[in-house]
Amino acid sequence: MDLATAIAEYLVSVRVERGLSANTAAAYGRDLEQYRSYLAEKDIADVGLVTPESVSGYVAHLGDRGLAATTTVSYTHLTLP
């Protein structure tokens, strides 16, 4: 499944099944779009191509941007199954 479709389905899921507010779902969407953009730069456009290495690479990328550890955790909790 392509990442854009997976993200869209996930956002519907968190709104419907978990009852998250529209604002929270929108924040998740922004975070996931940043992750999708990072993966696109690595030529990863399908969920099946995401690896533990691509997740850890993203964590390192966030650290390189100077984000605090707590921010990095908030971004990456969305990327883990």
PDB file of N, CA and C in Angstrom:
ATOM      1  N   MET A   1       0.857  -1.174   0.000  1.00  0.00           N
ATOM      2  CA  MET A   1       0.000   0.000   0.000  1.00  0.00           C
ATOM      3  C   MET A   1       0.900   1.232   0.000  1.00  0.00           C
ATOM      4  N   ASP A   2       0.512   2.224  -0.810  1.00  0.00           N
ATOM      5  CA  ASP A   2       1.325   3.433  -0.835  1.00  0.00           C
ATOM      6  C   ASP A   2       1.141   4.208   0.478  1.00  0.00           C
ATOM      7  N   LEU A   3       2.166   4.968   0.822  1.00  0.00           N
ATOM      8  CA  LEU A   3       2.187   5.663   2.110  1.00  0.00           C
ATOM      9  C   LEU A   3       1.060   6.680   2.250  1.00  0.00           C
ATOM     10  N   ALA A   4       0.737   7.398   1.187  1.00  0.00           N
ATOM     11  CA  ALA A   4      -0.323   8.410   1.279  1.00  0.00           C
ATOM     12  C   ALA A   4      -1.656   7.756   1.632  1.00  0.00           C
ATOM     13  N   THR A   5      -1.953   6.615   1.022  1.00  0.00           N
ATOM     14  CA  THR A   5      -3.195   5.897   1.323  1.00  0.00           C
ATOM     15  C   THR A   5      -3.175   5.373   2.750  1.00  0.00           C
ATOM     16  N   ALA A   6      -2.037   4.814   3.164  1.00  0.00           N
ATOM     17  CA  ALA A   6      -1.921   4.279   4.524  1.00  0.00           C
ATOM     18  C   ALA A   6      -2.119   5.377   5.556  1.00  0.00           C
ATOM     19  N   ILE A   7      -1.545   6.537   5.311  1.00  0.00           N
ATOM     20  CA  ILE A   7      -1.703   7.664   6.241  1.00  0.00           C
ATOM     21  C   ILE A   7      -3.164   8.096   6.303  1.00  0.00           C
ATOM     22  N   ALA A   8      -3.797   8.224   5.149  1.00  0.00           N
ATOM     23  CA  ALA A   8      -5.204   8.640   5.124  1.00  0.00           C
ATOM     24  C   ALA A   8      -6.074   7.648   5.882  1.00  0.00           C
ATOM     25  N   GLU A   9      -5.856   6.354   5.673  1.00  0.00           N
ATOM     26  CA  GLU A   9      -6.635   5.334   6.370  1.00  0.00           C
ATOM     27  C   GLU A   9      -6.361   5.359   7.876  1.00  0.00           C
ATOM     28  N   TYR A  10      -5.118   5.578   8.254  1.00  0.00           N
ATOM     29  CA  TYR A  10      -4.775   5.653   9.675  1.00  0.00           C
ATOM     30  C   TYR A  10      -5.489   6.829  10.335  1.00  0.00           C
ATOM     31  N   LEU A  11      -5.509   7.966   9.660  1.00  0.00           N
ATOM     32  CA  LEU A  11      -6.138   9.151  10.249  1.00  0.00           C
ATOM     33  C   LEU A  11      -7.637   8.958  10.421  1.00  0.00           C
ATOM     34  N   VAL A  12      -8.281   8.286   9.487  1.00  0.00           N
ATOM     35  CA  VAL A  12      -9.694   7.959   9.651  1.00  0.00           C
ATOM     36  C   VAL A  12      -9.858   7.029  10.850  1.00  0.00           C
ATOM     37  N   SER A  13      -8.973   6.051  10.941  1.00  0.00           N
ATOM     38  CA  SER A  13      -9.030   5.072  12.034  1.00  0.00           C
ATOM     39  C   SER A  13      -8.909   5.745  13.402  1.00  0.00           C
ATOM     40  N   VAL A  14      -7.962   6.653  13.554  1.00  0.00           N
ATOM     41  CA  VAL A  14      -7.792   7.280  14.871  1.00  0.00           C
ATOM     42  C   VAL A  14      -8.963   8.176  15.226  1.00  0.00           C
ATOM     43  N   ARG A  15      -9.599   8.732  14.220  1.00  0.00           N
ATOM     44  CA  ARG A  15     -10.778   9.563  14.500  1.00  0.00           C
ATOM     45  C   ARG A  15     -11.969   8.700  14.888  1.00  0.00           C
ATOM     46  N   VAL A  16     -12.195   7.629  14.149  1.00  0.00           N
ATOM     47  CA  VAL A  16     -13.388   6.805  14.340  1.00  0.00           C
ATOM     48  C   VAL A  16     -13.217   5.816  15.489  1.00  0.00           C
ATOM     49  N   GLU A  17     -12.148   5.027  15.436  1.00  0.00           N
ATOM     50  CA  GLU A  17     -11.974   3.940  16.396  1.00  0.00           C
ATOM     51  C   GLU A  17     -11.448   4.400  17.748  1.00  0.00           C
ATOM     52  N   ARG A  18     -10.573   5.396  17.730  1.00  0.00           N
ATOM     53  CA  ARG A  18      -9.988   5.853  18.989  1.00  0.00           C
ATOM     54  C   ARG A  18     -10.638   7.122  19.505  1.00  0.00           C
ATOM     55  N   GLY A  19     -11.472   7.736  18.682  1.00  0.00           N
ATOM     56  CA  GLY A  19     -12.202   8.910  19.116  1.00  0.00           C
ATOM     57  C   GLY A  19     -11.347  10.149  19.324  1.00  0.00           C
ATOM     58  N   LEU A  20     -10.226  10.245  18.608  1.00  0.00           N
ATOM     59  CA  LEU A  20      -9.377  11.423  18.768  1.00  0.00           C
ATOM     60  C   LEU A  20     -10.038  12.650  18.160  1.00  0.00           C
ATOM     61  N   SER A  21      -9.725  13.791  18.704  1.00  0.00           N
ATOM     62  CA  SER A  21     -10.295  15.035  18.197  1.00  0.00           C
ATOM     63  C   SER A  21      -9.738  15.349  16.817  1.00  0.00           C
ATOM     64  N   ALA A  22     -10.438  16.215  16.111  1.00  0.00           N
ATOM     65  CA  ALA A  22      -9.994  16.642  14.787  1.00  0.00           C
ATOM     66  C   ALA A  22      -8.623  17.307  14.865  1.00  0.00           C
ATOM     67  N   ASN A  23      -8.398  18.093  15.906  1.00  0.00           N
ATOM     68  CA  ASN A  23      -7.104  18.770  16.053  1.00  0.00           C
ATOM     69  C   ASN A  23      -5.966  17.781  16.276  1.00  0.00           C
ATOM     70  N   THR A  24      -6.208  16.766  17.095  1.00  0.00           N
ATOM     71  CA  THR A  24      -5.178  15.756  17.337  1.00  0.00           C
ATOM     72  C   THR A  24      -4.894  14.977  16.066  1.00  0.00           C
ATOM     73  N   ALA A  25      -5.939  14.575  15.359  1.00  0.00           N
ATOM     74  CA  ALA A  25      -5.756  13.850  14.100  1.00  0.00           C
ATOM     75  C   ALA A  25      -5.005  14.717  13.089  1.00  0.00           C
ATOM     76  N   ALA A  26      -5.304  16.016  13.052  1.00  0.00           N
ATOM     77  CA  ALA A  26      -4.596  16.917  12.142  1.00  0.00           C
ATOM     78  C   ALA A  26      -3.116  17.011  12.505  1.00  0.00           C
ATOM     79  N   ALA A  27      -2.813  17.051  13.796  1.00  0.00           N
ATOM     80  CA  ALA A  27      -1.411  17.082  14.231  1.00  0.00           C
ATOM     81  C   ALA A  27      -0.706  15.787  13.829  1.00  0.00           C
ATOM     82  N   TYR A  28      -1.374  14.658  14.016  1.00  0.00           N
ATOM     83  CA  TYR A  28      -0.809  13.383  13.566  1.00  0.00           C
ATOM     84  C   TYR A  28      -0.554  13.434  12.063  1.00  0.00           C
ATOM     85  N   GLY A  29      -1.504  13.977  11.325  1.00  0.00           N
ATOM     86  CA  GLY A  29      -1.365  14.064   9.876  1.00  0.00           C
ATOM     87  C   GLY A  29      -0.161  14.894   9.466  1.00  0.00           C
ATOM     88  N   ARG A  30       0.063  16.008  10.139  1.00  0.00           N
ATOM     89  CA  ARG A  30       1.232  16.845   9.826  1.00  0.00           C
ATOM     90  C   ARG A  30       2.526  16.085  10.111  1.00  0.00           C
ATOM     91  N   ASP A  31       2.574  15.401  11.246  1.00  0.00           N
ATOM     92  CA  ASP A  31       3.774  14.634  11.600  1.00  0.00           C
ATOM     93  C   ASP A  31       4.028  13.517  10.587  1.00  0.00           C
ATOM     94  N   LEU A  32       2.970  12.822  10.212  1.00  0.00           N
ATOM     95  CA  LEU A  32       3.118  11.716   9.270  1.00  0.00           C
ATOM     96  C   LEU A  32       3.477  12.209   7.871  1.00  0.00           C
ATOM     97  N   GLU A  33       2.991  13.372   7.502  1.00  0.00           N
ATOM     98  CA  GLU A  33       3.350  13.934   6.202  1.00  0.00           C
ATOM     99  C   GLU A  33       4.840  14.279   6.173  1.00  0.00           C
ATOM    100  N   GLN A  34       5.372  14.773   7.282  1.00  0.00           N
ATOM    101  CA  GLN A  34       6.810  15.041   7.341  1.00  0.00           C
ATOM    102  C   GLN A  34       7.602  13.742   7.205  1.00  0.00           C
ATOM    103  N   TYR A  35       7.130  12.690   7.845  1.00  0.00           N
ATOM    104  CA  TYR A  35       7.787  11.386   7.736  1.00  0.00           C
ATOM    105  C   TYR A  35       7.679  10.864   6.309  1.00  0.00           C
ATOM    106  N   ARG A  36       6.508  11.005   5.687  1.00  0.00           N
ATOM    107  CA  ARG A  36       6.327  10.555   4.311  1.00  0.00           C
ATOM    108  C   ARG A  36       7.268  11.308   3.374  1.00  0.00           C
ATOM    109  N   SER A  37       7.433  12.599   3.598  1.00  0.00           N
ATOM    110  CA  SER A  37       8.348  13.392   2.775  1.00  0.00           C
ATOM    111  C   SER A  37       9.784  12.917   2.935  1.00  0.00           C
ATOM    112  N   TYR A  38      10.168  12.621   4.174  1.00  0.00           N
ATOM    113  CA  TYR A  38      11.508  12.085   4.426  1.00  0.00           C
ATOM    114  C   TYR A  38      11.696  10.772   3.663  1.00  0.00           C
ATOM    115  N   LEU A  39      10.697   9.891   3.763  1.00  0.00           N
ATOM    116  CA  LEU A  39      10.801   8.599   3.079  1.00  0.00           C
ATOM    117  C   LEU A  39      10.840   8.785   1.565  1.00  0.00           C
ATOM    118  N   ALA A  40      10.089   9.738   1.039  1.00  0.00           N
ATOM    119  CA  ALA A  40      10.095  10.000  -0.402  1.00  0.00           C
ATOM    120  C   ALA A  40      11.486  10.399  -0.881  1.00  0.00           C
ATOM    121  N   GLU A  41      12.198  11.159  -0.049  1.00  0.00           N
ATOM    122  CA  GLU A  41      13.576  11.531  -0.387  1.00  0.00           C
ATOM    123  C   GLU A  41      14.478  10.305  -0.476  1.00  0.00           C
ATOM    124  N   LYS A  42      14.086   9.245   0.197  1.00  0.00           N
ATOM    125  CA  LYS A  42      14.837   7.981   0.192  1.00  0.00           C
ATOM    126  C   LYS A  42      14.253   6.998  -0.823  1.00  0.00           C
ATOM    127  N   ASP A  43      13.347   7.478  -1.682  1.00  0.00           N
ATOM    128  CA  ASP A  43      12.668   6.651  -2.687  1.00  0.00           C
ATOM    129  C   ASP A  43      11.851   5.526  -2.072  1.00  0.00           C
ATOM    130  N   ILE A  44      11.244   5.802  -0.928  1.00  0.00           N
ATOM    131  CA  ILE A  44      10.352   4.845  -0.271  1.00  0.00           C
ATOM    132  C   ILE A  44       8.945   5.428  -0.348  1.00  0.00           C
ATOM    133  N   ALA A  45       8.079   4.768  -1.120  1.00  0.00           N
ATOM    134  CA  ALA A  45       6.716   5.267  -1.294  1.00  0.00           C
ATOM    135  C   ALA A  45       5.674   4.230  -0.922  1.00  0.00           C
ATOM    136  N   ASP A  46       6.114   3.064  -0.475  1.00  0.00           N
ATOM    137  CA  ASP A  46       5.207   1.972  -0.142  1.00  0.00           C
ATOM    138  C   ASP A  46       5.464   1.505   1.284  1.00  0.00           C
ATOM    139  N   VAL A  47       4.401   1.216   1.995  1.00  0.00           N
ATOM    140  CA  VAL A  47       4.518   0.776   3.394  1.00  0.00           C
ATOM    141  C   VAL A  47       5.420  -0.450   3.508  1.00  0.00           C
ATOM    142  N   GLY A  48       5.349  -1.345   2.545  1.00  0.00           N
ATOM    143  CA  GLY A  48       6.143  -2.564   2.587  1.00  0.00           C
ATOM    144  C   GLY A  48       7.637  -2.335   2.483  1.00  0.00           C
ATOM    145  N   LEU A  49       8.040  -1.147   2.082  1.00  0.00           N
ATOM    146  CA  LEU A  49       9.465  -0.834   1.951  1.00  0.00           C
ATOM    147  C   LEU A  49      10.045  -0.150   3.183  1.00  0.00           C
ATOM    148  N   VAL A  50       9.193   0.196   4.129  1.00  0.00           N
ATOM    149  CA  VAL A  50       9.664   0.830   5.366  1.00  0.00           C
ATOM    150  C   VAL A  50      10.333  -0.245   6.219  1.00  0.00           C
ATOM    151  N   THR A  51      11.533   0.059   6.681  1.00  0.00           N
ATOM    152  CA  THR A  51      12.321  -0.883   7.474  1.00  0.00           C
ATOM    153  C   THR A  51      12.669  -0.264   8.823  1.00  0.00           C
ATOM    154  N   PRO A  52      13.132  -1.083   9.761  1.00  0.00           N
ATOM    155  CA  PRO A  52      13.621  -0.498  11.013  1.00  0.00           C
ATOM    156  C   PRO A  52      14.725   0.539  10.764  1.00  0.00           C
ATOM    157  N   GLU A  53      15.530   0.310   9.741  1.00  0.00           N
ATOM    158  CA  GLU A  53      16.602   1.255   9.423  1.00  0.00           C
ATOM    159  C   GLU A  53      16.048   2.595   8.939  1.00  0.00           C
ATOM    160  N   SER A  54      14.944   2.557   8.179  1.00  0.00           N
ATOM    161  CA  SER A  54      14.372   3.823   7.723  1.00  0.00           C
ATOM    162  C   SER A  54      13.743   4.591   8.878  1.00  0.00           C
ATOM    163  N   VAL A  55      13.204   3.867   9.857  1.00  0.00           N
ATOM    164  CA  VAL A  55      12.663   4.529  11.054  1.00  0.00           C
ATOM    165  C   VAL A  55      13.797   5.143  11.858  1.00  0.00           C
ATOM    166  N   SER A  56      14.862   4.374  12.090  1.00  0.00           N
ATOM    167  CA  SER A  56      15.981   4.916  12.874  1.00  0.00           C
ATOM    168  C   SER A  56      16.673   6.047  12.125  1.00  0.00           C
ATOM    169  N   GLY A  57      16.693   5.975  10.794  1.00  0.00           N
ATOM    170  CA  GLY A  57      17.240   7.079  10.007  1.00  0.00           C
ATOM    171  C   GLY A  57      16.431   8.346  10.188  1.00  0.00           C
ATOM    172  N   TYR A  58      15.125   8.191  10.287  1.00  0.00           N
ATOM    173  CA  TYR A  58      14.259   9.350  10.513  1.00  0.00           C
ATOM    174  C   TYR A  58      14.495   9.932  11.905  1.00  0.00           C
ATOM    175  N   VAL A  59      14.651   9.077  12.883  1.00  0.00           N
ATOM    176  CA  VAL A  59      14.946   9.551  14.241  1.00  0.00           C
ATOM    177  C   VAL A  59      16.246  10.349  14.233  1.00  0.00           C
ATOM    178  N   ALA A  60      17.258   9.823  13.545  1.00  0.00           N
ATOM    179  CA  ALA A  60      18.530  10.545  13.450  1.00  0.00           C
ATOM    180  C   ALA A  60      18.336  11.878  12.724  1.00  0.00           C
ATOM    181  N   HIS A  61      17.531  11.873  11.684  1.00  0.00           N
ATOM    182  CA  HIS A  61      17.226  13.099  10.935  1.00  0.00           C
ATOM    183  C   HIS A  61      16.583  14.146  11.847  1.00  0.00           C
ATOM    184  N   LEU A  62      15.644  13.713  12.673  1.00  0.00           N
ATOM    185  CA  LEU A  62      15.009  14.645  13.611  1.00  0.00           C
ATOM    186  C   LEU A  62      16.030  15.207  14.590  1.00  0.00           C
ATOM    187  N   GLY A  63      16.919  14.346  15.081  1.00  0.00           N
ATOM    188  CA  GLY A  63      17.970  14.804  15.985  1.00  0.00           C
ATOM    189  C   GLY A  63      18.892  15.806  15.309  1.00  0.00           C
ATOM    190  N   ASP A  64      19.207  15.556  14.028  1.00  0.00           N
ATOM    191  CA  ASP A  64      20.061  16.473  13.271  1.00  0.00           C
ATOM    192  C   ASP A  64      19.409  17.837  13.106  1.00  0.00           C
ATOM    193  N   ARG A  65      18.084  17.859  13.116  1.00  0.00           N
ATOM    194  CA  ARG A  65      17.348  19.121  13.007  1.00  0.00           C
ATOM    195  C   ARG A  65      17.311  19.856  14.344  1.00  0.00           C
ATOM    196  N   GLY A  66      17.861  19.235  15.383  1.00  0.00           N
ATOM    197  CA  GLY A  66      17.932  19.884  16.680  1.00  0.00           C
ATOM    198  C   GLY A  66      16.679  19.750  17.515  1.00  0.00           C
ATOM    199  N   LEU A  67      15.819  18.799  17.171  1.00  0.00           N
ATOM    200  CA  LEU A  67      14.602  18.622  17.959  1.00  0.00           C
ATOM    201  C   LEU A  67      14.929  17.960  19.292  1.00  0.00           C
ATOM    202  N   ALA A  68      14.217  18.355  20.316  1.00  0.00           N
ATOM    203  CA  ALA A  68      14.402  17.771  21.645  1.00  0.00           C
ATOM    204  C   ALA A  68      13.994  16.307  21.617  1.00  0.00           C
ATOM    205  N   ALA A  69      14.532  15.534  22.545  1.00  0.00           N
ATOM    206  CA  ALA A  69      14.223  14.111  22.620  1.00  0.00           C
ATOM    207  C   ALA A  69      12.725  13.868  22.773  1.00  0.00           C
ATOM    208  N   THR A  70      12.048  14.697  23.548  1.00  0.00           N
ATOM    209  CA  THR A  70      10.601  14.504  23.733  1.00  0.00           C
ATOM    210  C   THR A  70       9.842  14.743  22.439  1.00  0.00           C
ATOM    211  N   THR A  71      10.297  15.694  21.636  1.00  0.00           N
ATOM    212  CA  THR A  71       9.667  15.944  20.345  1.00  0.00           C
ATOM    213  C   THR A  71       9.912  14.773  19.418  1.00  0.00           C
ATOM    214  N   THR A  72      11.124  14.255  19.413  1.00  0.00           N
ATOM    215  CA  THR A  72      11.460  13.108  18.579  1.00  0.00           C
ATOM    216  C   THR A  72      10.581  11.918  18.927  1.00  0.00           C
ATOM    217  N   VAL A  73      10.362  11.680  20.205  1.00  0.00           N
ATOM    218  CA  VAL A  73       9.499  10.578  20.622  1.00  0.00           C
ATOM    219  C   VAL A  73       8.083  10.816  20.124  1.00  0.00           C
ATOM    220  N   SER A  74       7.584  12.037  20.208  1.00  0.00           N
ATOM    221  CA  SER A  74       6.222  12.311  19.761  1.00  0.00           C
ATOM    222  C   SER A  74       6.085  12.088  18.256  1.00  0.00           C
ATOM    223  N   TYR A  75       7.118  12.402  17.484  1.00  0.00           N
ATOM    224  CA  TYR A  75       7.071  12.162  16.049  1.00  0.00           C
ATOM    225  C   TYR A  75       7.137  10.672  15.740  1.00  0.00           C
ATOM    226  N   THR A  76       8.018   9.970  16.422  1.00  0.00           N
ATOM    227  CA  THR A  76       8.253   8.575  16.055  1.00  0.00           C
ATOM    228  C   THR A  76       7.216   7.615  16.584  1.00  0.00           C
ATOM    229  N   HIS A  77       6.435   7.967  17.593  1.00  0.00           N
ATOM    230  CA  HIS A  77       5.420   7.024  18.053  1.00  0.00           C
ATOM    231  C   HIS A  77       4.421   6.741  16.958  1.00  0.00           C
ATOM    232  N   LEU A  78       4.304   7.653  16.008  1.00  0.00           N
ATOM    233  CA  LEU A  78       3.378   7.443  14.895  1.00  0.00           C
ATOM    234  C   LEU A  78       3.952   6.516  13.831  1.00  0.00           C
ATOM    235  N   THR A  79       5.256   6.344  13.819  1.00  0.00           N
ATOM    236  CA  THR A  79       5.868   5.551  12.766  1.00  0.00           C
ATOM    237  C   THR A  79       6.011   4.095  13.130  1.00  0.00           C
ATOM    238  N   LEU A  80       5.777   3.763  14.376  1.00  0.00           N
ATOM    239  CA  LEU A  80       5.975   2.387  14.824  1.00  0.00           C
ATOM    240  C   LEU A  80       4.653   1.647  14.850  1.00  0.00           C
ATOM    241  N   PRO A  81       4.666   0.369  14.467  1.00  0.00           N
ATOM    242  CA  PRO A  81       3.420  -0.395  14.461  1.00  0.00           C
ATOM    243  C   PRO A  81       2.865  -0.604  15.857  1.00  0.00           C
TER     244      PRO A  81
END
